[in-house]
C-alpha atoms as a PDB file:
ATOM      1  CA  UNK A   1      97.526-235.331 185.801  1.00  0.00           C
ATOM      2  CA  UNK A   2      98.397-232.404 183.594  1.00  0.00           C
ATOM      3  CA  UNK A   3      97.857-232.634 179.885  1.00  0.00           C
ATOM      4  CA  UNK A   4     100.878-232.653 177.486  1.00  0.00           C
ATOM      5  CA  UNK A   5     100.982-229.687 175.224  1.00  0.00           C
ATOM      6  CA  UNK A   6     100.592-230.069 171.483  1.00  0.00           C
ATOM      7  CA  UNK A   7     104.253-229.558 169.735  1.00  0.00           C
ATOM      8  CA  UNK A   8     104.838-226.041 168.230  1.00  0.00           C
ATOM      9  CA  UNK A   9     105.270-225.837 164.721  1.00  0.00           C
ATOM     10  CA  UNK A  10     107.231-223.095 163.090  1.00  0.00           C
ATOM     11  CA  UNK A  11     106.605-221.917 159.655  1.00  0.00           C
ATOM     12  CA  UNK A  12     107.984-219.550 157.300  1.00  0.00           C
ATOM     13  CA  UNK A  13     106.160-217.420 155.285  1.00  0.00           C
ATOM     14  CA  UNK A  14     107.660-215.878 151.890  1.00  0.00           C
ATOM     15  CA  UNK A  15     106.706-214.401 148.598  1.00  0.00           C
ATOM     16  CA  UNK A  16     105.620-217.467 146.190  1.00  0.00           C
ATOM     17  CA  UNK A  17     108.358-216.232 143.749  1.00  0.00           C
ATOM     18  CA  UNK A  18     107.807-219.364 141.807  1.00  0.00           C
ATOM     19  CA  UNK A  19     104.242-219.044 141.287  1.00  0.00           C
ATOM     20  CA  UNK A  20     104.446-215.064 140.530  1.00  0.00           C
ATOM     21  CA  UNK A  21     107.375-215.706 138.205  1.00  0.00           C
ATOM     22  CA  UNK A  22     104.965-218.040 136.061  1.00  0.00           C
ATOM     23  CA  UNK A  23     102.526-214.963 135.385  1.00  0.00           C
ATOM     24  CA  UNK A  24     103.215-212.296 133.341  1.00  0.00           C
ATOM     25  CA  UNK A  25     103.602-208.810 134.554  1.00  0.00           C
ATOM     26  CA  UNK A  26     102.724-207.392 131.025  1.00  0.00           C
ATOM     27  CA  UNK A  27     101.151-208.474 127.671  1.00  0.00           C
ATOM     28  CA  UNK A  28     101.368-207.201 124.279  1.00  0.00           C
ATOM     29  CA  UNK A  29      98.274-206.186 122.550  1.00  0.00           C
ATOM     30  CA  UNK A  30      98.767-204.953 119.044  1.00  0.00           C
ATOM     31  CA  UNK A  31     101.042-201.763 119.712  1.00  0.00           C
ATOM     32  CA  UNK A  32      99.851-201.517 123.092  1.00  0.00           C
ATOM     33  CA  UNK A  33     101.578-202.908 126.419  1.00  0.00           C
ATOM     34  CA  UNK A  34      99.244-203.702 128.971  1.00  0.00           C
ATOM     35  CA  UNK A  35      99.895-204.056 132.669  1.00  0.00           C
ATOM     36  CA  UNK A  36      98.571-207.533 134.041  1.00  0.00           C
ATOM     37  CA  UNK A  37      96.936-207.217 137.649  1.00  0.00           C
ATOM     38  CA  UNK A  38      96.103-210.281 139.822  1.00  0.00           C
ATOM     39  CA  UNK A  39      92.407-209.891 140.784  1.00  0.00           C
ATOM     40  CA  UNK A  40      90.944-213.007 142.583  1.00  0.00           C
ATOM     41  CA  UNK A  41      92.777-216.099 144.628  1.00  0.00           C
ATOM     42  CA  UNK A  42      91.359-219.340 146.058  1.00  0.00           C
ATOM     43  CA  UNK A  43      93.566-222.531 147.058  1.00  0.00           C
ATOM     44  CA  UNK A  44      92.993-225.825 148.236  1.00  0.00           C
ATOM     45  CA  UNK A  45      95.467-228.811 148.762  1.00  0.00           C
ATOM     46  CA  UNK A  46      96.066-229.319 144.990  1.00  0.00           C
ATOM     47  CA  UNK A  47      96.009-226.182 143.164  1.00  0.00           C
ATOM     48  CA  UNK A  48      96.544-222.096 143.611  1.00  0.00           C
ATOM     49  CA  UNK A  49      93.795-220.456 141.316  1.00  0.00           C
ATOM     50  CA  UNK A  50      94.878-216.706 140.349  1.00  0.00           C
ATOM     51  CA  UNK A  51      92.583-214.597 138.353  1.00  0.00           C
ATOM     52  CA  UNK A  52      93.880-211.646 136.394  1.00  0.00           C
ATOM     53  CA  UNK A  53      92.846-208.304 134.773  1.00  0.00           C
ATOM     54  CA  UNK A  54      93.320-209.929 131.414  1.00  0.00           C
ATOM     55  CA  UNK A  55      90.686-212.639 131.639  1.00  0.00           C
ATOM     56  CA  UNK A  56      93.398-215.243 132.291  1.00  0.00           C
ATOM     57  CA  UNK A  57      92.761-217.851 135.022  1.00  0.00           C
ATOM     58  CA  UNK A  58      96.311-219.184 136.003  1.00  0.00           C
ATOM     59  CA  UNK A  59      96.088-222.377 137.919  1.00  0.00           C
ATOM     60  CA  UNK A  60      99.020-224.077 139.509  1.00  0.00           C
ATOM     61  CA  UNK A  61      99.128-227.497 140.319  1.00  0.00           C
ATOM     62  CA  UNK A  62     101.148-227.708 143.513  1.00  0.00           C
ATOM     63  CA  UNK A  63     101.899-231.842 143.283  1.00  0.00           C
ATOM     64  CA  UNK A  64     103.484-231.215 139.711  1.00  0.00           C
ATOM     65  CA  UNK A  65     104.781-227.702 140.094  1.00  0.00           C
ATOM     66  CA  UNK A  66     103.134-226.653 136.713  1.00  0.00           C
ATOM     67  CA  UNK A  67     101.155-223.592 135.612  1.00  0.00           C
ATOM     68  CA  UNK A  68      98.252-223.900 133.497  1.00  0.00           C
ATOM     69  CA  UNK A  69      96.326-220.974 131.879  1.00  0.00           C
ATOM     70  CA  UNK A  70      92.348-220.840 131.058  1.00  0.00           C
ATOM     71  CA  UNK A  71      90.159-217.975 129.674  1.00  0.00           C
ATOM     72  CA  UNK A  72      87.165-217.136 128.344  1.00  0.00           C
ATOM     73  CA  UNK A  73      86.172-217.055 124.733  1.00  0.00           C
ATOM     74  CA  UNK A  74      85.740-213.625 123.101  1.00  0.00           C
ATOM     75  CA  UNK A  75      86.044-210.543 125.069  1.00  0.00           C
ATOM     76  CA  UNK A  76      89.109-210.231 127.481  1.00  0.00           C
ATOM     77  CA  UNK A  77      87.532-208.853 130.587  1.00  0.00           C
ATOM     78  CA  UNK A  78      88.970-208.795 134.308  1.00  0.00           C
ATOM     79  CA  UNK A  79      88.250-211.965 136.716  1.00  0.00           C
ATOM     80  CA  UNK A  80      86.334-211.116 139.796  1.00  0.00           C
ATOM     81  CA  UNK A  81      86.058-214.151 141.797  1.00  0.00           C
ATOM     82  CA  UNK A  82      87.527-218.209 141.392  1.00  0.00           C
ATOM     83  CA  UNK A  83      86.498-220.872 143.526  1.00  0.00           C
ATOM     84  CA  UNK A  84      88.077-224.322 143.576  1.00  0.00           C
ATOM     85  CA  UNK A  85      86.435-227.679 144.589  1.00  0.00           C
ATOM     86  CA  UNK A  86      88.264-231.006 145.166  1.00  0.00           C
ATOM     87  CA  UNK A  87      85.621-233.979 144.830  1.00  0.00           C
ATOM     88  CA  UNK A  88      85.534-236.773 142.336  1.00  0.00           C
ATOM     89  CA  UNK A  89      86.662-234.638 140.124  1.00  0.00           C
ATOM     90  CA  UNK A  90      88.403-230.837 140.093  1.00  0.00           C
ATOM     91  CA  UNK A  91      86.507-228.112 139.422  1.00  0.00           C
ATOM     92  CA  UNK A  92      86.915-224.233 139.174  1.00  0.00           C
ATOM     93  CA  UNK A  93      84.214-221.677 138.975  1.00  0.00           C
ATOM     94  CA  UNK A  94      85.529-218.287 137.691  1.00  0.00           C
ATOM     95  CA  UNK A  95      83.153-215.070 137.552  1.00  0.00           C
ATOM     96  CA  UNK A  96      84.152-211.861 135.690  1.00  0.00           C
ATOM     97  CA  UNK A  97      83.290-208.355 135.976  1.00  0.00           C
ATOM     98  CA  UNK A  98      80.680-208.547 133.659  1.00  0.00           C
ATOM     99  CA  UNK A  99      78.761-211.004 135.051  1.00  0.00           C
ATOM    100  CA  UNK A 100      79.998-213.977 133.275  1.00  0.00           C
ATOM    101  CA  UNK A 101      80.291-217.443 135.032  1.00  0.00           C
ATOM    102  CA  UNK A 102      81.998-220.311 133.862  1.00  0.00           C
ATOM    103  CA  UNK A 103      82.918-223.774 135.469  1.00  0.00           C
ATOM    104  CA  UNK A 104      86.170-225.826 134.250  1.00  0.00           C
ATOM    105  CA  UNK A 105      86.341-229.619 134.881  1.00  0.00           C
ATOM    106  CA  UNK A 106      90.087-230.318 135.032  1.00  0.00           C
ATOM    107  CA  UNK A 107      91.989-233.193 133.733  1.00  0.00           C
ATOM    108  CA  UNK A 108      93.186-235.743 136.046  1.00  0.00           C
ATOM    109  CA  UNK A 109      95.673-238.448 135.653  1.00  0.00           C
ATOM    110  CA  UNK A 110      94.355-240.674 138.479  1.00  0.00           C
ATOM    111  CA  UNK A 111      92.419-243.685 136.964  1.00  0.00           C
ATOM    112  CA  UNK A 112      88.703-243.392 136.587  1.00  0.00           C
ATOM    113  CA  UNK A 113      88.762-239.422 136.777  1.00  0.00           C
ATOM    114  CA  UNK A 114      88.106-236.906 133.890  1.00  0.00           C
ATOM    115  CA  UNK A 115      90.670-237.364 130.996  1.00  0.00           C
ATOM    116  CA  UNK A 116      89.580-233.791 129.174  1.00  0.00           C
ATOM    117  CA  UNK A 117      89.133-230.315 130.029  1.00  0.00           C
ATOM    118  CA  UNK A 118      85.646-229.249 129.674  1.00  0.00           C
ATOM    119  CA  UNK A 119      83.838-225.963 130.466  1.00  0.00           C
ATOM    120  CA  UNK A 120      80.077-225.140 131.369  1.00  0.00           C
ATOM    121  CA  UNK A 121      78.844-221.532 131.055  1.00  0.00           C
ATOM    122  CA  UNK A 122      76.328-220.113 133.386  1.00  0.00           C
ATOM    123  CA  UNK A 123      74.179-218.705 130.293  1.00  0.00           C
ATOM    124  CA  UNK A 124      73.315-214.856 130.503  1.00  0.00           C
ATOM    125  CA  UNK A 125      71.455-214.145 133.853  1.00  0.00           C
ATOM    126  CA  UNK A 126      74.039-212.049 135.916  1.00  0.00           C
ATOM    127  CA  UNK A 127      74.648-208.808 134.016  1.00  0.00           C
ATOM    128  CA  UNK A 128      76.990-207.369 136.598  1.00  0.00           C
ATOM    129  CA  UNK A 129      80.089-208.121 138.481  1.00  0.00           C
ATOM    130  CA  UNK A 130      80.534-211.839 140.081  1.00  0.00           C
ATOM    131  CA  UNK A 131      81.080-211.176 143.953  1.00  0.00           C
ATOM    132  CA  UNK A 132      80.707-214.566 145.280  1.00  0.00           C
ATOM    133  CA  UNK A 133      80.791-218.478 144.335  1.00  0.00           C
ATOM    134  CA  UNK A 134      80.045-221.126 146.515  1.00  0.00           C
ATOM    135  CA  UNK A 135      79.948-224.834 145.820  1.00  0.00           C
ATOM    136  CA  UNK A 136      77.962-227.750 147.121  1.00  0.00           C
ATOM    137  CA  UNK A 137      80.471-230.505 148.319  1.00  0.00           C
ATOM    138  CA  UNK A 138      79.708-233.118 145.550  1.00  0.00           C
ATOM    139  CA  UNK A 139      80.143-230.476 142.791  1.00  0.00           C
ATOM    140  CA  UNK A 140      76.588-230.677 141.535  1.00  0.00           C
ATOM    141  CA  UNK A 141      75.564-227.306 142.528  1.00  0.00           C
ATOM    142  CA  UNK A 142      76.990-223.785 142.094  1.00  0.00           C
ATOM    143  CA  UNK A 143      75.692-220.502 143.669  1.00  0.00           C
ATOM    144  CA  UNK A 144      76.868-217.033 142.061  1.00  0.00           C
ATOM    145  CA  UNK A 145      76.052-213.740 143.573  1.00  0.00           C
ATOM    146  CA  UNK A 146      76.723-210.196 141.872  1.00  0.00           C
ATOM    147  CA  UNK A 147      77.297-206.768 143.237  1.00  0.00           C
ATOM    148  CA  UNK A 148      73.307-206.065 142.127  1.00  0.00           C
ATOM    149  CA  UNK A 149      72.319-208.588 144.734  1.00  0.00           C
ATOM    150  CA  UNK A 150      71.090-211.307 142.395  1.00  0.00           C
ATOM    151  CA  UNK A 151      71.883-214.952 143.192  1.00  0.00           C
ATOM    152  CA  UNK A 152      72.026-217.907 140.623  1.00  0.00           C
ATOM    153  CA  UNK A 153      71.735-221.407 141.090  1.00  0.00           C
ATOM    154  CA  UNK A 154      73.728-223.527 138.415  1.00  0.00           C
ATOM    155  CA  UNK A 155      72.561-227.448 138.424  1.00  0.00           C
ATOM    156  CA  UNK A 156      76.044-229.404 136.999  1.00  0.00           C
ATOM    157  CA  UNK A 157      75.384-232.981 135.231  1.00  0.00           C
ATOM    158  CA  UNK A 158      79.445-233.587 134.661  1.00  0.00           C
ATOM    159  CA  UNK A 159      78.748-237.026 133.088  1.00  0.00           C
ATOM    160  CA  UNK A 160      75.870-235.476 130.691  1.00  0.00           C
ATOM    161  CA  UNK A 161      77.871-231.950 130.190  1.00  0.00           C
ATOM    162  CA  UNK A 162      74.835-230.153 131.161  1.00  0.00           C
ATOM    163  CA  UNK A 163      74.455-226.948 133.162  1.00  0.00           C
ATOM    164  CA  UNK A 164      71.050-225.299 133.750  1.00  0.00           C
ATOM    165  CA  UNK A 165      70.882-222.124 135.704  1.00  0.00           C
ATOM    166  CA  UNK A 166      67.993-220.146 137.290  1.00  0.00           C
ATOM    167  CA  UNK A 167      67.740-216.975 139.216  1.00  0.00           C
ATOM    168  CA  UNK A 168      66.708-217.731 142.882  1.00  0.00           C
ATOM    169  CA  UNK A 169      66.917-214.963 145.218  1.00  0.00           C
ATOM    170  CA  UNK A 170      67.383-211.257 144.274  1.00  0.00           C
ATOM    171  CA  UNK A 171      68.663-208.517 147.298  1.00  0.00           C
ATOM    172  CA  UNK A 172      68.600-204.875 147.167  1.00  0.00           C
ATOM    173  CA  UNK A 173      72.257-204.707 147.891  1.00  0.00           C
ATOM    174  CA  UNK A 174      75.448-206.269 146.586  1.00  0.00           C
ATOM    175  CA  UNK A 175      76.305-209.886 147.667  1.00  0.00           C
ATOM    176  CA  UNK A 176      79.511-210.208 149.574  1.00  0.00           C
ATOM    177  CA  UNK A 177      79.807-213.754 150.548  1.00  0.00           C
ATOM    178  CA  UNK A 178      78.082-217.316 149.743  1.00  0.00           C
ATOM    179  CA  UNK A 179      78.262-220.398 151.646  1.00  0.00           C
ATOM    180  CA  UNK A 180      76.421-223.520 151.007  1.00  0.00           C
ATOM    181  CA  UNK A 181      75.957-226.645 152.995  1.00  0.00           C
ATOM    182  CA  UNK A 182      73.010-229.320 153.514  1.00  0.00           C
ATOM    183  CA  UNK A 183      70.436-227.405 151.539  1.00  0.00           C
ATOM    184  CA  UNK A 184      70.751-223.883 153.251  1.00  0.00           C
ATOM    185  CA  UNK A 185      72.729-221.275 151.603  1.00  0.00           C
ATOM    186  CA  UNK A 186      74.295-218.867 153.551  1.00  0.00           C
ATOM    187  CA  UNK A 187      73.687-215.237 152.198  1.00  0.00           C
ATOM    188  CA  UNK A 188      75.818-212.065 153.206  1.00  0.00           C
ATOM    189  CA  UNK A 189      74.988-208.559 151.801  1.00  0.00           C
ATOM    190  CA  UNK A 190      75.969-204.896 152.283  1.00  0.00           C
ATOM    191  CA  UNK A 191      72.566-204.702 154.343  1.00  0.00           C
ATOM    192  CA  UNK A 192      72.037-208.084 156.175  1.00  0.00           C
ATOM    193  CA  UNK A 193      72.764-211.781 156.442  1.00  0.00           C
ATOM    194  CA  UNK A 194      70.240-214.577 155.776  1.00  0.00           C
ATOM    195  CA  UNK A 195      69.960-218.199 155.195  1.00  0.00           C
ATOM    196  CA  UNK A 196      68.322-219.389 152.170  1.00  0.00           C
ATOM    197  CA  UNK A 197      66.478-222.910 152.370  1.00  0.00           C
ATOM    198  CA  UNK A 198      66.839-223.926 148.811  1.00  0.00           C
ATOM    199  CA  UNK A 199      64.298-227.004 149.551  1.00  0.00           C
ATOM    200  CA  UNK A 200      61.454-224.792 150.783  1.00  0.00           C
ATOM    201  CA  UNK A 201      62.599-221.446 148.928  1.00  0.00           C
ATOM    202  CA  UNK A 202      62.312-219.623 152.307  1.00  0.00           C
ATOM    203  CA  UNK A 203      64.413-217.139 153.774  1.00  0.00           C
ATOM    204  CA  UNK A 204      65.252-216.493 157.265  1.00  0.00           C
ATOM    205  CA  UNK A 205      67.256-213.269 158.418  1.00  0.00           C
ATOM    206  CA  UNK A 206      70.423-213.591 160.855  1.00  0.00           C
ATOM    207  CA  UNK A 207      69.529-210.522 163.381  1.00  0.00           C
ATOM    208  CA  UNK A 208      67.027-207.964 163.183  1.00  0.00           C
ATOM    209  CA  UNK A 209      69.195-204.660 162.442  1.00  0.00           C
ATOM    210  CA  UNK A 210      70.287-203.910 159.151  1.00  0.00           C
ATOM    211  CA  UNK A 211      73.936-203.026 158.397  1.00  0.00           C
ATOM    212  CA  UNK A 212      75.057-199.519 158.527  1.00  0.00           C
END
């Protein structure tokens, strides 16, 4: 008996004007007019997160059709990477061109969820541009990589409001991708791809030849 083919769903793709119109194209700083560039993007079923060249994170809630803004305190610098996570609480990690990394624990209207915006900072280990971020599924671990090859592990205790960070790996070339699952961190650099076993702190290279 022939199997029944699944129905074909047609989708239309168009610019997200409702999102883009909520982000300014220029801002005024003193007597100067500064152009705003969009520099980073991540999405999930609840949010669209957009990083900008002025250090502002624009977070669009898809259910409420609302745009919220978050920024780093102090110097205004370009956001290079954003990473969303929906677990018990909604989290977004943000990295900048100078190596700053912050985690925002978002407010939720659902019962039993977080009712106050909180921010956690990864203290001064990275000194260069953040190129990759990866969450553990439960939001208790965050891995960050930079363009000098450093990978930092941050342990988050959301109940206590604590973030402890340490350098776990250093590669000779820029980190281009991170992904974490089941105590194994997948790391891709400009030169190679490897598996880092976080419990044993051991490395296994994928393949034998370096990238050209």
